[in-house]
Amino acid sequence: MRKLLTAVTFIALLTTPALSSDKNSGEGAMEEGVHVMGVVHSMNGEMVNVTHEPIPDIGWPAMTMDLPLLEGADTKNVAAGDKVRIVLEKDGNGMFGVRALEFVE
């Protein structure tokens, strides 16, 4: 029984960083979501096309991509060509979407 408890504790300690890694990025620990710097190319009510820096914590290289805007996403005061901090969160299906685009000067 003692070996079982030791093994379970060891596994729990190993997996804890992996479970919390989608809440942090190379930009530093933040309250919620994954934060990364990028540039907005286009945006409509459902999708945003951005180029973003690498996101090592979730295994994404730097790339240009379309991302869905999550319901209630904060995109005010952001337009095509703007440099932004992108806040990503997982949706109900476990896929990343944009929670907010924060204008950066």
PDB file of N, CA and C in Angstrom:
ATOM      1  N   MET A   1       0.822  -1.185   0.000  1.00  0.00           N
ATOM      2  CA  MET A   1       0.000   0.000   0.000  1.00  0.00           C
ATOM      3  C   MET A   1       0.873   1.258   0.000  1.00  0.00           C
ATOM      4  N   ARG A   2       1.953   1.208   0.765  1.00  0.00           N
ATOM      5  CA  ARG A   2       2.850   2.358   0.847  1.00  0.00           C
ATOM      6  C   ARG A   2       3.482   2.664  -0.506  1.00  0.00           C
ATOM      7  N   LYS A   3       3.853   1.610  -1.253  1.00  0.00           N
ATOM      8  CA  LYS A   3       4.435   1.807  -2.580  1.00  0.00           C
ATOM      9  C   LYS A   3       3.408   2.430  -3.520  1.00  0.00           C
ATOM     10  N   LEU A   4       2.155   2.013  -3.408  1.00  0.00           N
ATOM     11  CA  LEU A   4       1.086   2.558  -4.240  1.00  0.00           C
ATOM     12  C   LEU A   4       0.894   4.044  -3.960  1.00  0.00           C
ATOM     13  N   LEU A   5       0.844   4.423  -2.687  1.00  0.00           N
ATOM     14  CA  LEU A   5       0.691   5.840  -2.320  1.00  0.00           C
ATOM     15  C   LEU A   5       1.872   6.671  -2.797  1.00  0.00           C
ATOM     16  N   THR A   6       3.077   6.122  -2.682  1.00  0.00           N
ATOM     17  CA  THR A   6       4.265   6.816  -3.151  1.00  0.00           C
ATOM     18  C   THR A   6       4.198   7.017  -4.660  1.00  0.00           C
ATOM     19  N   ALA A   7       3.787   5.999  -5.386  1.00  0.00           N
ATOM     20  CA  ALA A   7       3.680   6.091  -6.847  1.00  0.00           C
ATOM     21  C   ALA A   7       2.627   7.103  -7.261  1.00  0.00           C
ATOM     22  N   VAL A   8       1.479   7.090  -6.611  1.00  0.00           N
ATOM     23  CA  VAL A   8       0.404   8.026  -6.934  1.00  0.00           C
ATOM     24  C   VAL A   8       0.850   9.460  -6.647  1.00  0.00           C
ATOM     25  N   THR A   9       1.503   9.677  -5.523  1.00  0.00           N
ATOM     26  CA  THR A   9       2.004  11.011  -5.171  1.00  0.00           C
ATOM     27  C   THR A   9       3.027  11.477  -6.196  1.00  0.00           C
ATOM     28  N   PHE A  10       3.924  10.611  -6.599  1.00  0.00           N
ATOM     29  CA  PHE A  10       4.949  10.945  -7.577  1.00  0.00           C
ATOM     30  C   PHE A  10       4.319  11.335  -8.910  1.00  0.00           C
ATOM     31  N   ILE A  11       3.353  10.560  -9.363  1.00  0.00           N
ATOM     32  CA  ILE A  11       2.665  10.856 -10.631  1.00  0.00           C
ATOM     33  C   ILE A  11       1.926  12.184 -10.531  1.00  0.00           C
ATOM     34  N   ALA A  12       1.266  12.436  -9.417  1.00  0.00           N
ATOM     35  CA  ALA A  12       0.546  13.701  -9.235  1.00  0.00           C
ATOM     36  C   ALA A  12       1.507  14.880  -9.298  1.00  0.00           C
ATOM     37  N   LEU A  13       2.669  14.760  -8.686  1.00  0.00           N
ATOM     38  CA  LEU A  13       3.647  15.841  -8.724  1.00  0.00           C
ATOM     39  C   LEU A  13       4.183  16.075 -10.128  1.00  0.00           C
ATOM     40  N   LEU A  14       4.366  15.022 -10.882  1.00  0.00           N
ATOM     41  CA  LEU A  14       4.862  15.152 -12.253  1.00  0.00           C
ATOM     42  C   LEU A  14       3.838  15.794 -13.178  1.00  0.00           C
ATOM     43  N   THR A  15       2.570  15.492 -13.000  1.00  0.00           N
ATOM     44  CA  THR A  15       1.553  15.986 -13.924  1.00  0.00           C
ATOM     45  C   THR A  15       1.020  17.358 -13.566  1.00  0.00           C
ATOM     46  N   THR A  16       1.230  17.841 -12.364  1.00  0.00           N
ATOM     47  CA  THR A  16       0.708  19.150 -11.960  1.00  0.00           C
ATOM     48  C   THR A  16       1.186  20.276 -12.868  1.00  0.00           C
ATOM     49  N   PRO A  17       2.489  20.415 -13.202  1.00  0.00           N
ATOM     50  CA  PRO A  17       2.894  21.486 -14.108  1.00  0.00           C
ATOM     51  C   PRO A  17       2.251  21.362 -15.480  1.00  0.00           C
ATOM     52  N   ALA A  18       2.080  20.158 -15.994  1.00  0.00           N
ATOM     53  CA  ALA A  18       1.475  19.977 -17.310  1.00  0.00           C
ATOM     54  C   ALA A  18       0.024  20.422 -17.305  1.00  0.00           C
ATOM     55  N   LEU A  19      -0.686  20.164 -16.231  1.00  0.00           N
ATOM     56  CA  LEU A  19      -2.087  20.554 -16.171  1.00  0.00           C
ATOM     57  C   LEU A  19      -2.253  22.060 -16.075  1.00  0.00           C
ATOM     58  N   SER A  20      -1.301  22.752 -15.477  1.00  0.00           N
ATOM     59  CA  SER A  20      -1.435  24.198 -15.322  1.00  0.00           C
ATOM     60  C   SER A  20      -0.720  24.970 -16.416  1.00  0.00           C
ATOM     61  N   SER A  21      -0.001  24.312 -17.307  1.00  0.00           N
ATOM     62  CA  SER A  21       0.809  25.024 -18.285  1.00  0.00           C
ATOM     63  C   SER A  21      -0.001  25.809 -19.290  1.00  0.00           C
ATOM     64  N   ASP A  22      -1.270  25.445 -19.540  1.00  0.00           N
ATOM     65  CA  ASP A  22      -2.038  26.213 -20.505  1.00  0.00           C
ATOM     66  C   ASP A  22      -2.498  27.537 -19.913  1.00  0.00           C
ATOM     67  N   LYS A  23      -2.183  27.819 -18.674  1.00  0.00           N
ATOM     68  CA  LYS A  23      -2.537  29.097 -18.069  1.00  0.00           C
ATOM     69  C   LYS A  23      -1.356  30.052 -18.084  1.00  0.00           C
ATOM     70  N   ASN A  24      -0.218  29.619 -18.572  1.00  0.00           N
ATOM     71  CA  ASN A  24       0.968  30.456 -18.591  1.00  0.00           C
ATOM     72  C   ASN A  24       1.618  30.373 -19.953  1.00  0.00           C
ATOM     73  N   SER A  25       2.458  31.349 -20.253  1.00  0.00           N
ATOM     74  CA  SER A  25       3.201  31.304 -21.507  1.00  0.00           C
ATOM     75  C   SER A  25       4.563  31.900 -21.287  1.00  0.00           C
ATOM     76  N   GLY A  26       5.338  31.985 -22.357  1.00  0.00           N
ATOM     77  CA  GLY A  26       6.636  32.610 -22.292  1.00  0.00           C
ATOM     78  C   GLY A  26       6.546  34.068 -21.877  1.00  0.00           C
ATOM     79  N   GLU A  27       5.386  34.669 -21.919  1.00  0.00           N
ATOM     80  CA  GLU A  27       5.199  36.057 -21.518  1.00  0.00           C
ATOM     81  C   GLU A  27       5.160  36.193 -19.997  1.00  0.00           C
ATOM     82  N   GLY A  28       5.170  35.100 -19.262  1.00  0.00           N
ATOM     83  CA  GLY A  28       5.123  35.156 -17.803  1.00  0.00           C
ATOM     84  C   GLY A  28       3.783  34.686 -17.293  1.00  0.00           C
ATOM     85  N   ALA A  29       3.744  34.349 -16.024  1.00  0.00           N
ATOM     86  CA  ALA A  29       2.511  33.844 -15.428  1.00  0.00           C
ATOM     87  C   ALA A  29       1.468  34.957 -15.368  1.00  0.00           C
ATOM     88  N   MET A  30       0.271  34.658 -15.777  1.00  0.00           N
ATOM     89  CA  MET A  30      -0.842  35.596 -15.750  1.00  0.00           C
ATOM     90  C   MET A  30      -1.996  34.919 -15.038  1.00  0.00           C
ATOM     91  N   GLU A  31      -2.996  35.687 -14.677  1.00  0.00           N
ATOM     92  CA  GLU A  31      -4.139  35.139 -13.965  1.00  0.00           C
ATOM     93  C   GLU A  31      -4.833  34.034 -14.731  1.00  0.00           C
ATOM     94  N   GLU A  32      -5.241  34.320 -15.974  1.00  0.00           N
ATOM     95  CA  GLU A  32      -5.973  33.326 -16.741  1.00  0.00           C
ATOM     96  C   GLU A  32      -5.489  33.322 -18.179  1.00  0.00           C
ATOM     97  N   GLY A  33      -5.593  32.172 -18.816  1.00  0.00           N
ATOM     98  CA  GLY A  33      -5.293  32.076 -20.234  1.00  0.00           C
ATOM     99  C   GLY A  33      -3.804  32.036 -20.541  1.00  0.00           C
ATOM    100  N   VAL A  34      -3.534  31.949 -21.826  1.00  0.00           N
ATOM    101  CA  VAL A  34      -2.184  31.955 -22.360  1.00  0.00           C
ATOM    102  C   VAL A  34      -2.008  33.293 -23.054  1.00  0.00           C
ATOM    103  N   HIS A  35      -0.945  34.007 -22.727  1.00  0.00           N
ATOM    104  CA  HIS A  35      -0.715  35.330 -23.284  1.00  0.00           C
ATOM    105  C   HIS A  35       0.475  35.288 -24.228  1.00  0.00           C
ATOM    106  N   VAL A  36       0.332  35.934 -25.386  1.00  0.00           N
ATOM    107  CA  VAL A  36       1.417  35.984 -26.362  1.00  0.00           C
ATOM    108  C   VAL A  36       1.282  37.268 -27.170  1.00  0.00           C
ATOM    109  N   MET A  37       2.401  37.792 -27.636  1.00  0.00           N
ATOM    110  CA  MET A  37       2.390  38.997 -28.452  1.00  0.00           C
ATOM    111  C   MET A  37       2.165  38.617 -29.909  1.00  0.00           C
ATOM    112  N   GLY A  38       1.463  39.500 -30.622  1.00  0.00           N
ATOM    113  CA  GLY A  38       1.198  39.246 -32.029  1.00  0.00           C
ATOM    114  C   GLY A  38       0.742  40.497 -32.757  1.00  0.00           C
ATOM    115  N   VAL A  39       0.375  40.309 -34.020  1.00  0.00           N
ATOM    116  CA  VAL A  39      -0.127  41.387 -34.864  1.00  0.00           C
ATOM    117  C   VAL A  39      -1.426  40.916 -35.503  1.00  0.00           C
ATOM    118  N   VAL A  40      -2.439  41.785 -35.475  1.00  0.00           N
ATOM    119  CA  VAL A  40      -3.730  41.473 -36.090  1.00  0.00           C
ATOM    120  C   VAL A  40      -3.652  41.800 -37.577  1.00  0.00           C
ATOM    121  N   HIS A  41      -4.105  40.854 -38.423  1.00  0.00           N
ATOM    122  CA  HIS A  41      -4.162  41.099 -39.869  1.00  0.00           C
ATOM    123  C   HIS A  41      -5.587  41.400 -40.315  1.00  0.00           C
ATOM    124  N   SER A  42      -6.538  40.659 -39.785  1.00  0.00           N
ATOM    125  CA  SER A  42      -7.946  40.898 -40.116  1.00  0.00           C
ATOM    126  C   SER A  42      -8.801  40.319 -39.001  1.00  0.00           C
ATOM    127  N   MET A  43     -10.053  40.810 -38.943  1.00  0.00           N
ATOM    128  CA  MET A  43     -10.936  40.357 -37.881  1.00  0.00           C
ATOM    129  C   MET A  43     -12.380  40.564 -38.336  1.00  0.00           C
ATOM    130  N   ASN A  44     -13.226  39.572 -38.025  1.00  0.00           N
ATOM    131  CA  ASN A  44     -14.663  39.732 -38.202  1.00  0.00           C
ATOM    132  C   ASN A  44     -15.312  39.315 -36.887  1.00  0.00           C
ATOM    133  N   GLY A  45     -16.585  39.162 -36.845  1.00  0.00           N
ATOM    134  CA  GLY A  45     -17.251  38.838 -35.590  1.00  0.00           C
ATOM    135  C   GLY A  45     -16.980  37.456 -35.041  1.00  0.00           C
ATOM    136  N   GLU A  46     -16.375  36.581 -35.853  1.00  0.00           N
ATOM    137  CA  GLU A  46     -16.168  35.196 -35.422  1.00  0.00           C
ATOM    138  C   GLU A  46     -14.717  34.748 -35.398  1.00  0.00           C
ATOM    139  N   MET A  47     -13.888  35.353 -36.258  1.00  0.00           N
ATOM    140  CA  MET A  47     -12.494  34.910 -36.393  1.00  0.00           C
ATOM    141  C   MET A  47     -11.559  36.113 -36.420  1.00  0.00           C
ATOM    142  N   VAL A  48     -10.303  35.856 -36.047  1.00  0.00           N
ATOM    143  CA  VAL A  48      -9.251  36.855 -36.165  1.00  0.00           C
ATOM    144  C   VAL A  48      -8.043  36.169 -36.793  1.00  0.00           C
ATOM    145  N   ASN A  49      -7.400  36.856 -37.737  1.00  0.00           N
ATOM    146  CA  ASN A  49      -6.184  36.349 -38.353  1.00  0.00           C
ATOM    147  C   ASN A  49      -5.029  37.117 -37.732  1.00  0.00           C
ATOM    148  N   VAL A  50      -4.095  36.386 -37.114  1.00  0.00           N
ATOM    149  CA  VAL A  50      -2.970  37.000 -36.408  1.00  0.00           C
ATOM    150  C   VAL A  50      -1.672  36.283 -36.739  1.00  0.00           C
ATOM    151  N   THR A  51      -0.587  37.003 -36.564  1.00  0.00           N
ATOM    152  CA  THR A  51       0.742  36.401 -36.529  1.00  0.00           C
ATOM    153  C   THR A  51       1.194  36.529 -35.083  1.00  0.00           C
ATOM    154  N   HIS A  52       1.600  35.407 -34.480  1.00  0.00           N
ATOM    155  CA  HIS A  52       2.017  35.450 -33.077  1.00  0.00           C
ATOM    156  C   HIS A  52       3.402  34.860 -32.893  1.00  0.00           C
ATOM    157  N   GLU A  53       4.021  35.239 -31.770  1.00  0.00           N
ATOM    158  CA  GLU A  53       5.320  34.703 -31.383  1.00  0.00           C
ATOM    159  C   GLU A  53       5.164  33.238 -30.978  1.00  0.00           C
ATOM    160  N   PRO A  54       6.281  32.516 -30.819  1.00  0.00           N
ATOM    161  CA  PRO A  54       6.188  31.122 -30.345  1.00  0.00           C
ATOM    162  C   PRO A  54       5.523  31.057 -28.967  1.00  0.00           C
ATOM    163  N   ILE A  55       4.800  29.947 -28.724  1.00  0.00           N
ATOM    164  CA  ILE A  55       4.172  29.715 -27.420  1.00  0.00           C
ATOM    165  C   ILE A  55       4.660  28.343 -26.941  1.00  0.00           C
ATOM    166  N   PRO A  56       5.842  28.291 -26.346  1.00  0.00           N
ATOM    167  CA  PRO A  56       6.438  27.010 -25.957  1.00  0.00           C
ATOM    168  C   PRO A  56       5.585  26.188 -25.007  1.00  0.00           C
ATOM    169  N   ASP A  57       4.852  26.843 -24.105  1.00  0.00           N
ATOM    170  CA  ASP A  57       4.090  26.096 -23.105  1.00  0.00           C
ATOM    171  C   ASP A  57       2.975  25.248 -23.701  1.00  0.00           C
ATOM    172  N   ILE A  58       2.500  25.613 -24.904  1.00  0.00           N
ATOM    173  CA  ILE A  58       1.474  24.786 -25.540  1.00  0.00           C
ATOM    174  C   ILE A  58       1.986  24.176 -26.842  1.00  0.00           C
ATOM    175  N   GLY A  59       3.297  24.349 -27.097  1.00  0.00           N
ATOM    176  CA  GLY A  59       3.930  23.691 -28.237  1.00  0.00           C
ATOM    177  C   GLY A  59       3.649  24.325 -29.587  1.00  0.00           C
ATOM    178  N   TRP A  60       3.292  25.607 -29.607  1.00  0.00           N
ATOM    179  CA  TRP A  60       3.018  26.279 -30.882  1.00  0.00           C
ATOM    180  C   TRP A  60       4.231  27.096 -31.308  1.00  0.00           C
ATOM    181  N   PRO A  61       4.688  26.913 -32.550  1.00  0.00           N
ATOM    182  CA  PRO A  61       5.746  27.788 -33.061  1.00  0.00           C
ATOM    183  C   PRO A  61       5.139  29.140 -33.455  1.00  0.00           C
ATOM    184  N   ALA A  62       5.990  30.095 -33.770  1.00  0.00           N
ATOM    185  CA  ALA A  62       5.495  31.362 -34.309  1.00  0.00           C
ATOM    186  C   ALA A  62       4.791  31.047 -35.621  1.00  0.00           C
ATOM    187  N   MET A  63       3.638  31.679 -35.834  1.00  0.00           N
ATOM    188  CA  MET A  63       2.910  31.415 -37.076  1.00  0.00           C
ATOM    189  C   MET A  63       1.831  32.453 -37.301  1.00  0.00           C
ATOM    190  N   THR A  64       1.312  32.467 -38.523  1.00  0.00           N
ATOM    191  CA  THR A  64       0.141  33.257 -38.872  1.00  0.00           C
ATOM    192  C   THR A  64      -1.015  32.286 -38.958  1.00  0.00           C
ATOM    193  N   MET A  65      -2.128  32.624 -38.306  1.00  0.00           N
ATOM    194  CA  MET A  65      -3.244  31.681 -38.262  1.00  0.00           C
ATOM    195  C   MET A  65      -4.562  32.385 -38.001  1.00  0.00           C
ATOM    196  N   ASP A  66      -5.643  31.702 -38.340  1.00  0.00           N
ATOM    197  CA  ASP A  66      -6.985  32.142 -37.981  1.00  0.00           C
ATOM    198  C   ASP A  66      -7.334  31.507 -36.642  1.00  0.00           C
ATOM    199  N   LEU A  67      -7.871  32.313 -35.747  1.00  0.00           N
ATOM    200  CA  LEU A  67      -8.313  31.803 -34.449  1.00  0.00           C
ATOM    201  C   LEU A  67      -9.747  32.250 -34.214  1.00  0.00           C
ATOM    202  N   PRO A  68     -10.567  31.374 -33.630  1.00  0.00           N
ATOM    203  CA  PRO A  68     -11.938  31.784 -33.321  1.00  0.00           C
ATOM    204  C   PRO A  68     -11.966  32.772 -32.167  1.00  0.00           C
ATOM    205  N   LEU A  69     -12.898  33.709 -32.243  1.00  0.00           N
ATOM    206  CA  LEU A  69     -13.142  34.616 -31.125  1.00  0.00           C
ATOM    207  C   LEU A  69     -14.133  33.928 -30.199  1.00  0.00           C
ATOM    208  N   LEU A  70     -13.781  33.767 -28.946  1.00  0.00           N
ATOM    209  CA  LEU A  70     -14.680  33.152 -27.976  1.00  0.00           C
ATOM    210  C   LEU A  70     -15.838  34.098 -27.678  1.00  0.00           C
ATOM    211  N   GLU A  71     -16.950  33.547 -27.267  1.00  0.00           N
ATOM    212  CA  GLU A  71     -18.114  34.359 -26.940  1.00  0.00           C
ATOM    213  C   GLU A  71     -17.738  35.408 -25.897  1.00  0.00           C
ATOM    214  N   GLY A  72     -18.065  36.660 -26.184  1.00  0.00           N
ATOM    215  CA  GLY A  72     -17.753  37.751 -25.280  1.00  0.00           C
ATOM    216  C   GLY A  72     -16.314  38.228 -25.344  1.00  0.00           C
ATOM    217  N   ALA A  73     -15.565  37.803 -26.369  1.00  0.00           N
ATOM    218  CA  ALA A  73     -14.162  38.193 -26.490  1.00  0.00           C
ATOM    219  C   ALA A  73     -14.028  39.714 -26.522  1.00  0.00           C
ATOM    220  N   ASP A  74     -13.033  40.229 -25.813  1.00  0.00           N
ATOM    221  CA  ASP A  74     -12.781  41.662 -25.751  1.00  0.00           C
ATOM    222  C   ASP A  74     -11.818  42.040 -26.873  1.00  0.00           C
ATOM    223  N   THR A  75     -12.341  42.721 -27.907  1.00  0.00           N
ATOM    224  CA  THR A  75     -11.516  43.134 -29.039  1.00  0.00           C
ATOM    225  C   THR A  75     -11.666  44.629 -29.320  1.00  0.00           C
ATOM    226  N   LYS A  76     -12.278  45.364 -28.397  1.00  0.00           N
ATOM    227  CA  LYS A  76     -12.512  46.789 -28.651  1.00  0.00           C
ATOM    228  C   LYS A  76     -11.185  47.533 -28.756  1.00  0.00           C
ATOM    229  N   ASN A  77     -11.203  48.565 -29.579  1.00  0.00           N
ATOM    230  CA  ASN A  77     -10.032  49.428 -29.812  1.00  0.00           C
ATOM    231  C   ASN A  77      -8.886  48.698 -30.496  1.00  0.00           C
ATOM    232  N   VAL A  78      -9.171  47.600 -31.202  1.00  0.00           N
ATOM    233  CA  VAL A  78      -8.139  46.867 -31.926  1.00  0.00           C
ATOM    234  C   VAL A  78      -8.540  46.800 -33.397  1.00  0.00           C
ATOM    235  N   ALA A  79      -7.584  47.068 -34.276  1.00  0.00           N
ATOM    236  CA  ALA A  79      -7.846  47.043 -35.719  1.00  0.00           C
ATOM    237  C   ALA A  79      -6.711  46.320 -36.433  1.00  0.00           C
ATOM    238  N   ALA A  80      -6.939  46.004 -37.697  1.00  0.00           N
ATOM    239  CA  ALA A  80      -5.912  45.356 -38.509  1.00  0.00           C
ATOM    240  C   ALA A  80      -4.636  46.195 -38.484  1.00  0.00           C
ATOM    241  N   GLY A  81      -3.506  45.529 -38.339  1.00  0.00           N
ATOM    242  CA  GLY A  81      -2.214  46.185 -38.292  1.00  0.00           C
ATOM    243  C   GLY A  81      -1.724  46.477 -36.891  1.00  0.00           C
ATOM    244  N   ASP A  82      -2.601  46.354 -35.892  1.00  0.00           N
ATOM    245  CA  ASP A  82      -2.219  46.647 -34.510  1.00  0.00           C
ATOM    246  C   ASP A  82      -1.374  45.537 -33.908  1.00  0.00           C
ATOM    247  N   LYS A  83      -0.375  45.953 -33.111  1.00  0.00           N
ATOM    248  CA  LYS A  83       0.385  45.009 -32.290  1.00  0.00           C
ATOM    249  C   LYS A  83      -0.442  44.781 -31.036  1.00  0.00           C
ATOM    250  N   VAL A  84      -0.619  43.516 -30.643  1.00  0.00           N
ATOM    251  CA  VAL A  84      -1.505  43.177 -29.532  1.00  0.00           C
ATOM    252  C   VAL A  84      -0.910  42.095 -28.640  1.00  0.00           C
ATOM    253  N   ARG A  85      -1.439  42.044 -27.422  1.00  0.00           N
ATOM    254  CA  ARG A  85      -1.242  40.876 -26.559  1.00  0.00           C
ATOM    255  C   ARG A  85      -2.482  40.028 -26.795  1.00  0.00           C
ATOM    256  N   ILE A  86      -2.282  38.790 -27.178  1.00  0.00           N
ATOM    257  CA  ILE A  86      -3.380  37.864 -27.450  1.00  0.00           C
ATOM    258  C   ILE A  86      -3.590  37.009 -26.207  1.00  0.00           C
ATOM    259  N   VAL A  87      -4.815  36.964 -25.730  1.00  0.00           N
ATOM    260  CA  VAL A  87      -5.147  36.132 -24.580  1.00  0.00           C
ATOM    261  C   VAL A  87      -5.951  34.945 -25.106  1.00  0.00           C
ATOM    262  N   LEU A  88      -5.377  33.757 -25.004  1.00  0.00           N
ATOM    263  CA  LEU A  88      -6.018  32.532 -25.479  1.00  0.00           C
ATOM    264  C   LEU A  88      -6.579  31.743 -24.302  1.00  0.00           C
ATOM    265  N   GLU A  89      -7.719  31.128 -24.527  1.00  0.00           N
ATOM    266  CA  GLU A  89      -8.302  30.207 -23.550  1.00  0.00           C
ATOM    267  C   GLU A  89      -8.875  29.023 -24.309  1.00  0.00           C
ATOM    268  N   LYS A  90      -8.997  27.909 -23.618  1.00  0.00           N
ATOM    269  CA  LYS A  90      -9.620  26.730 -24.217  1.00  0.00           C
ATOM    270  C   LYS A  90     -11.136  26.863 -24.152  1.00  0.00           C
ATOM    271  N   ASP A  91     -11.786  26.442 -25.235  1.00  0.00           N
ATOM    272  CA  ASP A  91     -13.251  26.424 -25.243  1.00  0.00           C
ATOM    273  C   ASP A  91     -13.741  25.103 -24.657  1.00  0.00           C
ATOM    274  N   GLY A  92     -15.028  24.864 -24.691  1.00  0.00           N
ATOM    275  CA  GLY A  92     -15.613  23.650 -24.134  1.00  0.00           C
ATOM    276  C   GLY A  92     -15.127  22.368 -24.788  1.00  0.00           C
ATOM    277  N   ASN A  93     -14.573  22.473 -26.010  1.00  0.00           N
ATOM    278  CA  ASN A  93     -14.055  21.307 -26.728  1.00  0.00           C
ATOM    279  C   ASN A  93     -12.548  21.130 -26.544  1.00  0.00           C
ATOM    280  N   GLY A  94     -11.945  21.987 -25.716  1.00  0.00           N
ATOM    281  CA  GLY A  94     -10.510  21.884 -25.484  1.00  0.00           C
ATOM    282  C   GLY A  94      -9.662  22.554 -26.547  1.00  0.00           C
ATOM    283  N   MET A  95     -10.286  23.334 -27.440  1.00  0.00           N
ATOM    284  CA  MET A  95      -9.560  24.038 -28.498  1.00  0.00           C
ATOM    285  C   MET A  95      -9.312  25.481 -28.060  1.00  0.00           C
ATOM    286  N   PHE A  96      -8.164  26.037 -28.433  1.00  0.00           N
ATOM    287  CA  PHE A  96      -7.860  27.406 -28.061  1.00  0.00           C
ATOM    288  C   PHE A  96      -8.610  28.402 -28.937  1.00  0.00           C
ATOM    289  N   GLY A  97      -9.077  29.461 -28.306  1.00  0.00           N
ATOM    290  CA  GLY A  97      -9.713  30.575 -28.978  1.00  0.00           C
ATOM    291  C   GLY A  97      -9.265  31.847 -28.300  1.00  0.00           C
ATOM    292  N   VAL A  98      -9.611  32.996 -28.912  1.00  0.00           N
ATOM    293  CA  VAL A  98      -9.183  34.288 -28.388  1.00  0.00           C
ATOM    294  C   VAL A  98     -10.197  34.796 -27.366  1.00  0.00           C
ATOM    295  N   ARG A  99      -9.736  35.033 -26.155  1.00  0.00           N
ATOM    296  CA  ARG A  99     -10.561  35.626 -25.098  1.00  0.00           C
ATOM    297  C   ARG A  99     -10.466  37.144 -25.179  1.00  0.00           C
ATOM    298  N   ALA A 100      -9.264  37.673 -25.551  1.00  0.00           N
ATOM    299  CA  ALA A 100      -9.086  39.131 -25.646  1.00  0.00           C
ATOM    300  C   ALA A 100      -7.908  39.455 -26.533  1.00  0.00           C
ATOM    301  N   LEU A 101      -7.998  40.627 -27.156  1.00  0.00           N
ATOM    302  CA  LEU A 101      -6.891  41.244 -27.877  1.00  0.00           C
ATOM    303  C   LEU A 101      -6.655  42.578 -27.194  1.00  0.00           C
ATOM    304  N   GLU A 102      -5.456  42.758 -26.646  1.00  0.00           N
ATOM    305  CA  GLU A 102      -5.146  43.979 -25.902  1.00  0.00           C
ATOM    306  C   GLU A 102      -4.127  44.790 -26.714  1.00  0.00           C
ATOM    307  N   PHE A 103      -4.520  45.992 -27.138  1.00  0.00           N
ATOM    308  CA  PHE A 103      -3.655  46.859 -27.925  1.00  0.00           C
ATOM    309  C   PHE A 103      -2.373  47.161 -27.159  1.00  0.00           C
ATOM    310  N   VAL A 104      -1.236  47.084 -27.856  1.00  0.00           N
ATOM    311  CA  VAL A 104       0.067  47.393 -27.274  1.00  0.00           C
ATOM    312  C   VAL A 104       0.723  48.439 -28.165  1.00  0.00           C
ATOM    313  N   GLU A 105       1.206  49.519 -27.564  1.00  0.00           N
ATOM    314  CA  GLU A 105       1.850  50.589 -28.350  1.00  0.00           C
ATOM    315  C   GLU A 105       3.246  50.231 -28.717  1.00  0.00           C
TER     316      GLU A 105
END
